Amino acid sequence: MARNLCDIRLLLVAAAAAFIFIQIRLFSTQSEYADRMAAAVSETVFPRIECVESESRCTSQMRLLIDQISMQQEKIVSLEEANKLQDEERAQLKNLVRDLERKGLQSIVSKEKEPVAAVVIMACNRPDYLQRTIESILKYQSAVASKFPLFVSQDGTNPDVKSKALSYSQLTYMQHLDFEPVQTERPGELIAYYKIARHYKWALDELFIKNNFGRVIILEDDMEIAPDFFDYFEATATLLDKDKTIMAVSSWNDNGQVQFVHDPRALYRSDFFPGLGWMLSKSIWDELSPKWPKAYPCLYTIFFSFLFNNLSISITNF
């Protein structure tokens, strides 16, 4: 019995030793496996971490590069817009220069083409006389038509006069229709004199104010002009503009016959208004129009009043 117990103890000791050995081996194997797993994880995870970090750095660099490219593109766009604005400004400046040059040229041309004076024939009811006067003027006016545009101003409704005037394409027809009753101011006055005064004022207002001519030559419908008629008025137009003491320039003189003329090129200043083919300036008409007389017999009175009050005298060709 005692021997059996001893054997059992030996077996237990041997079993305990075997168990301990197995546990030691198992622990050793687990430690080795853990080391291998750790090594494997290190070999697998850390390169991935490095790759992720590298990718992050690449992404950051790419973003930075993209930002720089965007900034450069914005600069390029802004430069293109600035160039576009400069091109537009240059184009505008060129257009402005062209406009100024054209306006300057037009101003020069317009000055060169500005009429010397409008020529108006005052007509009423004498178609035959009117025809002779028009034919006489057109004989010399055709070469200088742009300098001396021709008008016919008819007072009243005479159909023959109107038809005769409209038959000429070289002139402009005007018609004064005045149906207002005339009240004479003095006994024995003719109504016709009031009509004539109204017609003159209307025609001169039309030419000076409405059509803005600088000068007007007034002719009656029973006059024939001389060959140098237009040369004479073109030469004296400058005198009329510069010398403010000259009221009008006239081409008529009662004593202008050959036997009385010593120098056909001489000009005389006169304090008598001769009328019958005379040139008036707009500045003078602006002064005369508001005080134009109501009746024809007083026309010369207003001229003499103007002469003596303003020390103006007309030029008469002898």
C-alpha atoms as a PDB file:
ATOM      1  CA  MET A   1       0.000   0.000   0.000  1.00  0.00           C
ATOM      2  CA  ALA A   2       2.815   2.339   0.832  1.00  0.00           C
ATOM      3  CA  ARG A   3       4.589   1.439  -2.378  1.00  0.00           C
ATOM      4  CA  ASN A   4       1.526   2.141  -4.418  1.00  0.00           C
ATOM      5  CA  LEU A   5       1.180   5.571  -2.953  1.00  0.00           C
ATOM      6  CA  CYS A   6       4.782   6.247  -3.793  1.00  0.00           C
ATOM      7  CA  ASP A   7       4.206   5.277  -7.383  1.00  0.00           C
ATOM      8  CA  ILE A   8       1.181   7.492  -7.619  1.00  0.00           C
ATOM      9  CA  ARG A   9       3.202  10.406  -6.290  1.00  0.00           C
ATOM     10  CA  LEU A  10       5.902   9.783  -8.817  1.00  0.00           C
ATOM     11  CA  LEU A  11       3.338   9.710 -11.548  1.00  0.00           C
ATOM     12  CA  LEU A  12       1.818  12.940 -10.303  1.00  0.00           C
ATOM     13  CA  VAL A  13       5.236  14.549 -10.153  1.00  0.00           C
ATOM     14  CA  ALA A  14       6.007  13.358 -13.653  1.00  0.00           C
ATOM     15  CA  ALA A  15       2.590  14.596 -14.848  1.00  0.00           C
ATOM     16  CA  ALA A  16       3.162  17.948 -13.164  1.00  0.00           C
ATOM     17  CA  ALA A  17       6.586  18.226 -14.779  1.00  0.00           C
ATOM     18  CA  ALA A  18       5.114  17.362 -18.172  1.00  0.00           C
ATOM     19  CA  PHE A  19       2.329  19.928 -17.720  1.00  0.00           C
ATOM     20  CA  ILE A  20       4.808  22.602 -16.735  1.00  0.00           C
ATOM     21  CA  PHE A  21       6.973  21.765 -19.729  1.00  0.00           C
ATOM     22  CA  ILE A  22       4.005  21.928 -22.066  1.00  0.00           C
ATOM     23  CA  GLN A  23       2.934  25.291 -20.605  1.00  0.00           C
ATOM     24  CA  ILE A  24       6.431  26.623 -21.050  1.00  0.00           C
ATOM     25  CA  ARG A  25       6.515  25.446 -24.660  1.00  0.00           C
ATOM     26  CA  LEU A  26       3.071  26.847 -25.303  1.00  0.00           C
ATOM     27  CA  PHE A  27       4.051  30.218 -23.815  1.00  0.00           C
ATOM     28  CA  SER A  28       7.235  30.216 -25.855  1.00  0.00           C
ATOM     29  CA  THR A  29       5.287  29.375 -29.016  1.00  0.00           C
ATOM     30  CA  GLN A  30       2.720  32.125 -28.319  1.00  0.00           C
ATOM     31  CA  SER A  31       5.491  34.675 -27.706  1.00  0.00           C
ATOM     32  CA  GLU A  32       7.187  33.726 -30.955  1.00  0.00           C
ATOM     33  CA  TYR A  33       3.873  33.919 -32.831  1.00  0.00           C
ATOM     34  CA  ALA A  34       3.155  37.318 -31.260  1.00  0.00           C
ATOM     35  CA  ASP A  35       6.569  38.564 -32.353  1.00  0.00           C
ATOM     36  CA  ARG A  36       5.942  37.328 -35.894  1.00  0.00           C
ATOM     37  CA  MET A  37       2.510  38.936 -35.952  1.00  0.00           C
ATOM     38  CA  ALA A  38       3.951  42.185 -34.682  1.00  0.00           C
ATOM     39  CA  ALA A  39       6.648  42.060 -37.333  1.00  0.00           C
ATOM     40  CA  ALA A  40       4.077  41.285 -40.015  1.00  0.00           C
ATOM     41  CA  VAL A  41       1.859  44.171 -38.860  1.00  0.00           C
ATOM     42  CA  SER A  42       4.829  46.501 -38.837  1.00  0.00           C
ATOM     43  CA  GLU A  43       5.793  45.468 -42.336  1.00  0.00           C
ATOM     44  CA  THR A  44       2.203  45.956 -43.564  1.00  0.00           C
ATOM     45  CA  VAL A  45       0.838  49.021 -41.665  1.00  0.00           C
ATOM     46  CA  PHE A  46       3.781  51.360 -41.510  1.00  0.00           C
ATOM     47  CA  PRO A  47       4.385  51.436 -45.284  1.00  0.00           C
ATOM     48  CA  ARG A  48       0.694  52.210 -45.695  1.00  0.00           C
ATOM     49  CA  ILE A  49       1.004  55.041 -43.194  1.00  0.00           C
ATOM     50  CA  GLU A  50       4.014  56.376 -45.075  1.00  0.00           C
ATOM     51  CA  CYS A  51       2.102  56.049 -48.352  1.00  0.00           C
ATOM     52  CA  VAL A  52      -0.892  57.893 -46.918  1.00  0.00           C
ATOM     53  CA  GLU A  53       1.382  60.648 -45.654  1.00  0.00           C
ATOM     54  CA  SER A  54       3.071  60.817 -49.051  1.00  0.00           C
ATOM     55  CA  GLU A  55      -0.283  60.998 -50.796  1.00  0.00           C
ATOM     56  CA  SER A  56      -1.353  63.752 -48.431  1.00  0.00           C
ATOM     57  CA  ARG A  57       1.804  65.702 -49.209  1.00  0.00           C
ATOM     58  CA  CYS A  58       1.225  65.184 -52.944  1.00  0.00           C
ATOM     59  CA  THR A  59      -2.373  66.313 -52.616  1.00  0.00           C
ATOM     60  CA  SER A  60      -1.304  69.428 -50.735  1.00  0.00           C
ATOM     61  CA  GLN A  61       1.322  70.200 -53.354  1.00  0.00           C
ATOM     62  CA  MET A  62      -1.212  69.625 -56.135  1.00  0.00           C
ATOM     63  CA  ARG A  63      -3.691  71.931 -54.462  1.00  0.00           C
ATOM     64  CA  LEU A  64      -1.003  74.541 -54.009  1.00  0.00           C
ATOM     65  CA  LEU A  65      -0.041  74.213 -57.668  1.00  0.00           C
ATOM     66  CA  ILE A  66      -3.688  74.436 -58.721  1.00  0.00           C
ATOM     67  CA  ASP A  67      -4.115  77.555 -56.583  1.00  0.00           C
ATOM     68  CA  GLN A  68      -1.053  79.117 -58.180  1.00  0.00           C
ATOM     69  CA  ILE A  69      -2.344  78.244 -61.654  1.00  0.00           C
ATOM     70  CA  SER A  70      -5.736  79.731 -60.768  1.00  0.00           C
ATOM     71  CA  MET A  71      -4.078  82.910 -59.571  1.00  0.00           C
ATOM     72  CA  GLN A  72      -2.064  83.115 -62.781  1.00  0.00           C
ATOM     73  CA  GLN A  73      -5.212  82.540 -64.826  1.00  0.00           C
ATOM     74  CA  GLU A  74      -6.993  85.296 -62.921  1.00  0.00           C
ATOM     75  CA  LYS A  75      -4.063  87.604 -63.628  1.00  0.00           C
ATOM     76  CA  ILE A  76      -4.171  86.635 -67.295  1.00  0.00           C
ATOM     77  CA  VAL A  77      -7.935  87.288 -67.412  1.00  0.00           C
ATOM     78  CA  SER A  78      -7.520  90.649 -65.681  1.00  0.00           C
ATOM     79  CA  LEU A  79      -4.729  91.572 -68.103  1.00  0.00           C
ATOM     80  CA  GLU A  80      -6.895  90.555 -71.050  1.00  0.00           C
ATOM     81  CA  GLU A  81      -9.758  92.646 -69.695  1.00  0.00           C
ATOM     82  CA  ALA A  82      -7.393  95.587 -69.186  1.00  0.00           C
ATOM     83  CA  ASN A  83      -6.117  95.183 -72.743  1.00  0.00           C
ATOM     84  CA  LYS A  84      -9.704  94.994 -73.971  1.00  0.00           C
ATOM     85  CA  LEU A  85     -10.562  98.182 -72.108  1.00  0.00           C
ATOM     86  CA  GLN A  86      -7.474  99.859 -73.530  1.00  0.00           C
ATOM     87  CA  ASP A  87      -8.442  98.739 -77.017  1.00  0.00           C
ATOM     88  CA  GLU A  88     -11.935 100.112 -76.495  1.00  0.00           C
ATOM     89  CA  GLU A  89     -10.535 103.379 -75.175  1.00  0.00           C
ATOM     90  CA  ARG A  90      -8.173 103.599 -78.135  1.00  0.00           C
ATOM     91  CA  ALA A  91     -11.072 102.927 -80.492  1.00  0.00           C
ATOM     92  CA  GLN A  92     -13.138 105.603 -78.765  1.00  0.00           C
ATOM     93  CA  LEU A  93     -10.269 108.051 -78.961  1.00  0.00           C
ATOM     94  CA  LYS A  94      -9.794 107.280 -82.641  1.00  0.00           C
ATOM     95  CA  ASN A  95     -13.508 107.802 -83.260  1.00  0.00           C
ATOM     96  CA  LEU A  96     -13.383 111.029 -81.276  1.00  0.00           C
ATOM     97  CA  VAL A  97     -10.392 112.257 -83.261  1.00  0.00           C
ATOM     98  CA  ARG A  98     -12.126 111.311 -86.510  1.00  0.00           C
ATOM     99  CA  ASP A  99     -15.289 113.100 -85.394  1.00  0.00           C
ATOM    100  CA  LEU A 100     -13.333 116.184 -84.437  1.00  0.00           C
ATOM    101  CA  GLU A 101     -11.430 116.104 -87.698  1.00  0.00           C
ATOM    102  CA  ARG A 102     -14.653 115.596 -89.639  1.00  0.00           C
ATOM    103  CA  LYS A 103     -16.392 118.394 -87.741  1.00  0.00           C
ATOM    104  CA  GLY A 104     -13.405 120.643 -88.278  1.00  0.00           C
ATOM    105  CA  LEU A 105     -13.394 119.791 -91.948  1.00  0.00           C
ATOM    106  CA  GLN A 106     -17.146 120.256 -92.147  1.00  0.00           C
ATOM    107  CA  SER A 107     -16.765 123.587 -90.415  1.00  0.00           C
ATOM    108  CA  ILE A 108     -14.141 124.642 -92.927  1.00  0.00           C
ATOM    109  CA  VAL A 109     -16.200 123.342 -95.817  1.00  0.00           C
ATOM    110  CA  SER A 110     -19.366 124.928 -94.462  1.00  0.00           C
ATOM    111  CA  LYS A 111     -17.565 128.233 -94.140  1.00  0.00           C
ATOM    112  CA  GLU A 112     -16.363 127.891 -97.690  1.00  0.00           C
ATOM    113  CA  LYS A 113     -19.851 126.953 -98.868  1.00  0.00           C
ATOM    114  CA  GLU A 114     -21.718 129.443 -96.701  1.00  0.00           C
ATOM    115  CA  PRO A 115     -23.812 131.646 -98.974  1.00  0.00           C
ATOM    116  CA  VAL A 116     -22.701 135.208 -99.464  1.00  0.00           C
ATOM    117  CA  ALA A 117     -26.321 136.339 -99.427  1.00  0.00           C
ATOM    118  CA  ALA A 118     -29.790 135.142-100.268  1.00  0.00           C
ATOM    119  CA  VAL A 119     -31.348 137.002-103.196  1.00  0.00           C
ATOM    120  CA  VAL A 120     -35.079 137.638-102.920  1.00  0.00           C
ATOM    121  CA  ILE A 121     -37.327 139.089-105.623  1.00  0.00           C
ATOM    122  CA  MET A 122     -40.338 140.870-104.153  1.00  0.00           C
ATOM    123  CA  ALA A 123     -43.324 140.140-106.411  1.00  0.00           C
ATOM    124  CA  CYS A 124     -47.058 140.647-106.350  1.00  0.00           C
ATOM    125  CA  ASN A 125     -49.129 140.669-109.543  1.00  0.00           C
ATOM    126  CA  ARG A 126     -46.827 141.271-112.532  1.00  0.00           C
ATOM    127  CA  PRO A 127     -45.850 137.892-114.010  1.00  0.00           C
ATOM    128  CA  ASP A 128     -44.244 139.343-117.181  1.00  0.00           C
ATOM    129  CA  TYR A 129     -41.998 141.700-115.226  1.00  0.00           C
ATOM    130  CA  LEU A 130     -41.142 138.899-112.842  1.00  0.00           C
ATOM    131  CA  GLN A 131     -40.059 136.679-115.736  1.00  0.00           C
ATOM    132  CA  ARG A 132     -37.727 139.372-117.127  1.00  0.00           C
ATOM    133  CA  THR A 133     -36.158 139.858-113.703  1.00  0.00           C
ATOM    134  CA  ILE A 134     -35.670 136.127-113.104  1.00  0.00           C
ATOM    135  CA  GLU A 135     -34.153 135.612-116.565  1.00  0.00           C
ATOM    136  CA  SER A 136     -31.785 138.517-115.978  1.00  0.00           C
ATOM    137  CA  ILE A 137     -30.643 137.076-112.638  1.00  0.00           C
ATOM    138  CA  LEU A 138     -30.260 133.490-113.853  1.00  0.00           C
ATOM    139  CA  LYS A 139     -28.093 134.709-116.715  1.00  0.00           C
ATOM    140  CA  TYR A 140     -25.337 135.528-114.212  1.00  0.00           C
ATOM    141  CA  GLN A 141     -26.389 133.587-111.104  1.00  0.00           C
ATOM    142  CA  SER A 142     -26.005 130.025-112.413  1.00  0.00           C
ATOM    143  CA  ALA A 143     -22.224 130.093-111.932  1.00  0.00           C
ATOM    144  CA  VAL A 144     -22.539 131.323-108.336  1.00  0.00           C
ATOM    145  CA  ALA A 145     -25.833 129.697-107.344  1.00  0.00           C
ATOM    146  CA  SER A 146     -24.401 128.199-104.137  1.00  0.00           C
ATOM    147  CA  LYS A 147     -23.193 131.624-103.031  1.00  0.00           C
ATOM    148  CA  PHE A 148     -26.395 133.445-103.927  1.00  0.00           C
ATOM    149  CA  PRO A 149     -29.477 131.202-103.508  1.00  0.00           C
ATOM    150  CA  LEU A 150     -32.471 132.740-105.270  1.00  0.00           C
ATOM    151  CA  PHE A 151     -35.951 133.242-103.782  1.00  0.00           C
ATOM    152  CA  VAL A 152     -39.195 134.718-105.055  1.00  0.00           C
ATOM    153  CA  SER A 153     -41.537 136.070-102.417  1.00  0.00           C
ATOM    154  CA  GLN A 154     -45.060 136.683-103.706  1.00  0.00           C
ATOM    155  CA  ASP A 155     -47.499 138.879-101.844  1.00  0.00           C
ATOM    156  CA  GLY A 156     -51.027 137.677-102.485  1.00  0.00           C
ATOM    157  CA  THR A 157     -52.577 134.943-104.571  1.00  0.00           C
ATOM    158  CA  ASN A 158     -52.118 135.992-108.183  1.00  0.00           C
ATOM    159  CA  PRO A 159     -52.089 132.594-109.966  1.00  0.00           C
ATOM    160  CA  ASP A 160     -49.988 133.751-112.930  1.00  0.00           C
ATOM    161  CA  VAL A 161     -47.215 135.040-110.694  1.00  0.00           C
ATOM    162  CA  LYS A 162     -47.219 131.846-108.652  1.00  0.00           C
ATOM    163  CA  SER A 163     -47.211 129.674-111.793  1.00  0.00           C
ATOM    164  CA  LYS A 164     -44.376 131.706-113.304  1.00  0.00           C
ATOM    165  CA  ALA A 165     -42.233 131.473-110.166  1.00  0.00           C
ATOM    166  CA  LEU A 166     -42.830 127.743-109.765  1.00  0.00           C
ATOM    167  CA  SER A 167     -41.819 127.124-113.378  1.00  0.00           C
ATOM    168  CA  TYR A 168     -38.168 127.793-112.421  1.00  0.00           C
ATOM    169  CA  SER A 169     -36.387 124.968-110.607  1.00  0.00           C
ATOM    170  CA  GLN A 170     -33.418 127.217-109.838  1.00  0.00           C
ATOM    171  CA  LEU A 171     -35.267 129.220-107.198  1.00  0.00           C
ATOM    172  CA  THR A 172     -37.323 128.787-104.024  1.00  0.00           C
ATOM    173  CA  TYR A 173     -40.856 130.114-103.987  1.00  0.00           C
ATOM    174  CA  MET A 174     -42.383 131.798-100.923  1.00  0.00           C
ATOM    175  CA  GLN A 175     -45.937 133.116-100.626  1.00  0.00           C
ATOM    176  CA  HIS A 176     -47.156 135.761 -98.206  1.00  0.00           C
ATOM    177  CA  LEU A 177     -50.856 135.375 -97.481  1.00  0.00           C
ATOM    178  CA  ASP A 178     -52.208 138.229 -95.389  1.00  0.00           C
ATOM    179  CA  PHE A 179     -55.972 138.294 -94.901  1.00  0.00           C
ATOM    180  CA  GLU A 180     -55.940 140.574 -91.882  1.00  0.00           C
ATOM    181  CA  PRO A 181     -57.969 143.768 -92.482  1.00  0.00           C
ATOM    182  CA  VAL A 182     -55.895 146.930 -92.845  1.00  0.00           C
ATOM    183  CA  GLN A 183     -56.716 149.982 -90.781  1.00  0.00           C
ATOM    184  CA  THR A 184     -55.058 153.114 -92.172  1.00  0.00           C
ATOM    185  CA  GLU A 185     -53.751 155.599 -89.654  1.00  0.00           C
ATOM    186  CA  ARG A 186     -53.915 158.781 -91.757  1.00  0.00           C
ATOM    187  CA  PRO A 187     -56.458 160.117 -94.243  1.00  0.00           C
ATOM    188  CA  GLY A 188     -55.709 159.373 -97.889  1.00  0.00           C
ATOM    189  CA  GLU A 189     -53.308 156.516 -97.225  1.00  0.00           C
ATOM    190  CA  LEU A 190     -53.454 153.581 -99.571  1.00  0.00           C
ATOM    191  CA  ILE A 191     -54.066 150.106 -98.168  1.00  0.00           C
ATOM    192  CA  ALA A 192     -51.473 148.785-100.642  1.00  0.00           C
ATOM    193  CA  TYR A 193     -48.732 150.623 -98.747  1.00  0.00           C
ATOM    194  CA  TYR A 194     -49.582 148.705 -95.597  1.00  0.00           C
ATOM    195  CA  LYS A 195     -49.598 145.460 -97.581  1.00  0.00           C
ATOM    196  CA  ILE A 196     -46.158 146.206 -98.996  1.00  0.00           C
ATOM    197  CA  ALA A 197     -44.728 146.948 -95.528  1.00  0.00           C
ATOM    198  CA  ARG A 198     -46.167 143.704 -94.166  1.00  0.00           C
ATOM    199  CA  HIS A 199     -44.803 141.739 -97.110  1.00  0.00           C
ATOM    200  CA  TYR A 200     -41.289 143.118 -96.668  1.00  0.00           C
ATOM    201  CA  LYS A 201     -41.239 142.360 -92.956  1.00  0.00           C
ATOM    202  CA  TRP A 202     -42.577 138.835 -93.459  1.00  0.00           C
ATOM    203  CA  ALA A 203     -40.101 138.003 -96.246  1.00  0.00           C
ATOM    204  CA  LEU A 204     -37.090 139.358 -94.384  1.00  0.00           C
ATOM    205  CA  ASP A 205     -38.112 137.570 -91.187  1.00  0.00           C
ATOM    206  CA  GLU A 206     -38.408 134.334 -93.188  1.00  0.00           C
ATOM    207  CA  LEU A 207     -34.933 134.674 -94.666  1.00  0.00           C
ATOM    208  CA  PHE A 208     -33.059 136.135 -91.705  1.00  0.00           C
ATOM    209  CA  ILE A 209     -34.780 134.459 -88.763  1.00  0.00           C
ATOM    210  CA  LYS A 210     -36.337 131.259 -90.087  1.00  0.00           C
ATOM    211  CA  ASN A 211     -33.644 130.383 -92.665  1.00  0.00           C
ATOM    212  CA  ASN A 212     -30.814 132.084 -90.742  1.00  0.00           C
ATOM    213  CA  PHE A 213     -29.118 133.798 -93.681  1.00  0.00           C
ATOM    214  CA  GLY A 214     -26.377 136.220 -92.699  1.00  0.00           C
ATOM    215  CA  ARG A 215     -27.180 138.638 -95.534  1.00  0.00           C
ATOM    216  CA  VAL A 216     -30.065 139.222 -97.924  1.00  0.00           C
ATOM    217  CA  ILE A 217     -30.177 141.095-101.238  1.00  0.00           C
ATOM    218  CA  ILE A 218     -33.594 142.608-101.963  1.00  0.00           C
ATOM    219  CA  LEU A 219     -34.737 143.165-105.550  1.00  0.00           C
ATOM    220  CA  GLU A 220     -37.994 144.433-107.024  1.00  0.00           C
ATOM    221  CA  ASP A 221     -39.777 142.400-109.683  1.00  0.00           C
ATOM    222  CA  ASP A 222     -39.073 145.001-112.412  1.00  0.00           C
ATOM    223  CA  MET A 223     -35.273 145.091-112.304  1.00  0.00           C
ATOM    224  CA  GLU A 224     -32.534 143.709-114.539  1.00  0.00           C
ATOM    225  CA  ILE A 225     -29.074 143.260-113.055  1.00  0.00           C
ATOM    226  CA  ALA A 226     -25.644 144.131-114.455  1.00  0.00           C
ATOM    227  CA  PRO A 227     -23.012 141.474-115.304  1.00  0.00           C
ATOM    228  CA  ASP A 228     -20.940 142.391-112.225  1.00  0.00           C
ATOM    229  CA  PHE A 229     -23.928 142.347-109.847  1.00  0.00           C
ATOM    230  CA  PHE A 230     -22.826 139.294-107.857  1.00  0.00           C
ATOM    231  CA  ASP A 231     -19.119 140.180-107.922  1.00  0.00           C
ATOM    232  CA  TYR A 232     -20.031 143.573-106.502  1.00  0.00           C
ATOM    233  CA  PHE A 233     -22.036 142.214-103.603  1.00  0.00           C
ATOM    234  CA  GLU A 234     -19.500 139.478-102.821  1.00  0.00           C
ATOM    235  CA  ALA A 235     -16.749 142.100-102.630  1.00  0.00           C
ATOM    236  CA  THR A 236     -18.758 144.444-100.409  1.00  0.00           C
ATOM    237  CA  ALA A 237     -20.087 141.733 -98.074  1.00  0.00           C
ATOM    238  CA  THR A 238     -16.884 141.891 -96.021  1.00  0.00           C
ATOM    239  CA  LEU A 239     -17.245 145.668 -95.684  1.00  0.00           C
ATOM    240  CA  LEU A 240     -20.810 145.243 -94.463  1.00  0.00           C
ATOM    241  CA  ASP A 241     -19.676 142.743 -91.815  1.00  0.00           C
ATOM    242  CA  LYS A 242     -16.653 144.624 -90.542  1.00  0.00           C
ATOM    243  CA  ASP A 243     -17.872 148.218 -90.647  1.00  0.00           C
ATOM    244  CA  LYS A 244     -20.816 148.510 -88.260  1.00  0.00           C
ATOM    245  CA  THR A 245     -21.478 152.077 -89.441  1.00  0.00           C
ATOM    246  CA  ILE A 246     -22.697 150.722 -92.786  1.00  0.00           C
ATOM    247  CA  MET A 247     -26.405 150.060 -92.774  1.00  0.00           C
ATOM    248  CA  ALA A 248     -26.755 148.600 -96.266  1.00  0.00           C
ATOM    249  CA  VAL A 249     -24.965 148.132 -99.574  1.00  0.00           C
ATOM    250  CA  SER A 250     -26.877 149.201-102.675  1.00  0.00           C
ATOM    251  CA  SER A 251     -26.233 148.527-106.351  1.00  0.00           C
ATOM    252  CA  TRP A 252     -28.445 151.407-107.502  1.00  0.00           C
ATOM    253  CA  ASN A 253     -27.737 155.073-108.112  1.00  0.00           C
ATOM    254  CA  ASP A 254     -30.057 157.540-109.791  1.00  0.00           C
ATOM    255  CA  ASN A 255     -27.035 159.295-111.255  1.00  0.00           C
ATOM    256  CA  GLY A 256     -25.236 156.147-112.350  1.00  0.00           C
ATOM    257  CA  GLN A 257     -25.405 156.835-116.096  1.00  0.00           C
ATOM    258  CA  VAL A 258     -22.302 156.647-118.229  1.00  0.00           C
ATOM    259  CA  GLN A 259     -22.127 160.387-118.782  1.00  0.00           C
ATOM    260  CA  PHE A 260     -21.965 161.003-115.025  1.00  0.00           C
ATOM    261  CA  VAL A 261     -19.521 158.265-114.042  1.00  0.00           C
ATOM    262  CA  HIS A 262     -15.823 159.144-113.902  1.00  0.00           C
ATOM    263  CA  ASP A 263     -14.595 155.988-112.172  1.00  0.00           C
ATOM    264  CA  PRO A 264     -16.825 152.899-112.607  1.00  0.00           C
ATOM    265  CA  ARG A 265     -14.940 151.093-109.799  1.00  0.00           C
ATOM    266  CA  ALA A 266     -15.413 153.777-107.144  1.00  0.00           C
ATOM    267  CA  LEU A 267     -17.625 153.240-104.091  1.00  0.00           C
ATOM    268  CA  TYR A 268     -19.340 156.120-102.341  1.00  0.00           C
ATOM    269  CA  ARG A 269     -20.654 156.361 -98.827  1.00  0.00           C
ATOM    270  CA  SER A 270     -24.011 158.088 -98.721  1.00  0.00           C
ATOM    271  CA  ASP A 271     -26.422 159.193 -96.009  1.00  0.00           C
ATOM    272  CA  PHE A 272     -29.309 158.684 -98.430  1.00  0.00           C
ATOM    273  CA  PHE A 273     -30.873 155.268 -98.748  1.00  0.00           C
ATOM    274  CA  PRO A 274     -31.082 154.440-102.460  1.00  0.00           C
ATOM    275  CA  GLY A 275     -32.903 151.079-102.221  1.00  0.00           C
ATOM    276  CA  LEU A 276     -33.583 149.123-105.447  1.00  0.00           C
ATOM    277  CA  GLY A 277     -31.162 146.226-105.214  1.00  0.00           C
ATOM    278  CA  TRP A 278     -29.680 146.463-101.733  1.00  0.00           C
ATOM    279  CA  MET A 279     -28.013 144.087 -99.293  1.00  0.00           C
ATOM    280  CA  LEU A 280     -28.796 143.998 -95.603  1.00  0.00           C
ATOM    281  CA  SER A 281     -27.075 142.057 -92.812  1.00  0.00           C
ATOM    282  CA  LYS A 282     -28.809 139.958 -90.165  1.00  0.00           C
ATOM    283  CA  SER A 283     -27.461 142.107 -87.333  1.00  0.00           C
ATOM    284  CA  ILE A 284     -29.062 145.200 -88.856  1.00  0.00           C
ATOM    285  CA  TRP A 285     -32.339 143.391 -89.464  1.00  0.00           C
ATOM    286  CA  ASP A 286     -32.415 142.192 -85.861  1.00  0.00           C
ATOM    287  CA  GLU A 287     -32.492 145.885 -84.948  1.00  0.00           C
ATOM    288  CA  LEU A 288     -34.942 147.008 -87.631  1.00  0.00           C
ATOM    289  CA  SER A 289     -37.490 144.193 -87.466  1.00  0.00           C
ATOM    290  CA  PRO A 290     -39.056 145.109 -84.090  1.00  0.00           C
ATOM    291  CA  LYS A 291     -39.667 148.715 -85.222  1.00  0.00           C
ATOM    292  CA  TRP A 292     -40.599 148.050 -88.831  1.00  0.00           C
ATOM    293  CA  PRO A 293     -43.262 150.573 -89.958  1.00  0.00           C
ATOM    294  CA  LYS A 294     -46.857 149.630 -90.675  1.00  0.00           C
ATOM    295  CA  ALA A 295     -47.053 151.446 -94.011  1.00  0.00           C
ATOM    296  CA  TYR A 296     -44.754 151.674 -97.033  1.00  0.00           C
ATOM    297  CA  PRO A 297     -44.336 155.494 -97.177  1.00  0.00           C
ATOM    298  CA  CYS A 298     -42.669 155.357 -93.759  1.00  0.00           C
ATOM    299  CA  LEU A 299     -40.013 152.833 -94.802  1.00  0.00           C
ATOM    300  CA  TYR A 300     -37.538 155.518 -95.698  1.00  0.00           C
ATOM    301  CA  THR A 301     -38.345 157.374 -92.474  1.00  0.00           C
ATOM    302  CA  ILE A 302     -37.210 154.432 -90.379  1.00  0.00           C
ATOM    303  CA  PHE A 303     -34.060 154.081 -92.465  1.00  0.00           C
ATOM    304  CA  PHE A 304     -33.206 157.753 -92.035  1.00  0.00           C
ATOM    305  CA  SER A 305     -33.893 157.460 -88.300  1.00  0.00           C
ATOM    306  CA  PHE A 306     -31.528 154.528 -88.150  1.00  0.00           C
ATOM    307  CA  LEU A 307     -28.905 156.408 -90.143  1.00  0.00           C
ATOM    308  CA  PHE A 308     -28.859 159.498 -87.988  1.00  0.00           C
ATOM    309  CA  ASN A 309     -29.160 157.677 -84.669  1.00  0.00           C
ATOM    310  CA  ASN A 310     -26.443 155.137 -85.429  1.00  0.00           C
ATOM    311  CA  LEU A 311     -24.196 157.132 -87.764  1.00  0.00           C
ATOM    312  CA  SER A 312     -24.654 154.407 -90.384  1.00  0.00           C
ATOM    313  CA  ILE A 313     -24.357 155.111 -94.087  1.00  0.00           C
ATOM    314  CA  SER A 314     -24.854 152.959 -97.112  1.00  0.00           C
ATOM    315  CA  ILE A 315     -22.446 152.213 -99.925  1.00  0.00           C
ATOM    316  CA  THR A 316     -23.609 153.220-103.350  1.00  0.00           C
ATOM    317  CA  ASN A 317     -22.025 152.150-106.595  1.00  0.00           C
ATOM    318  CA  PHE A 318     -21.794 155.041-109.066  1.00  0.00           C
END
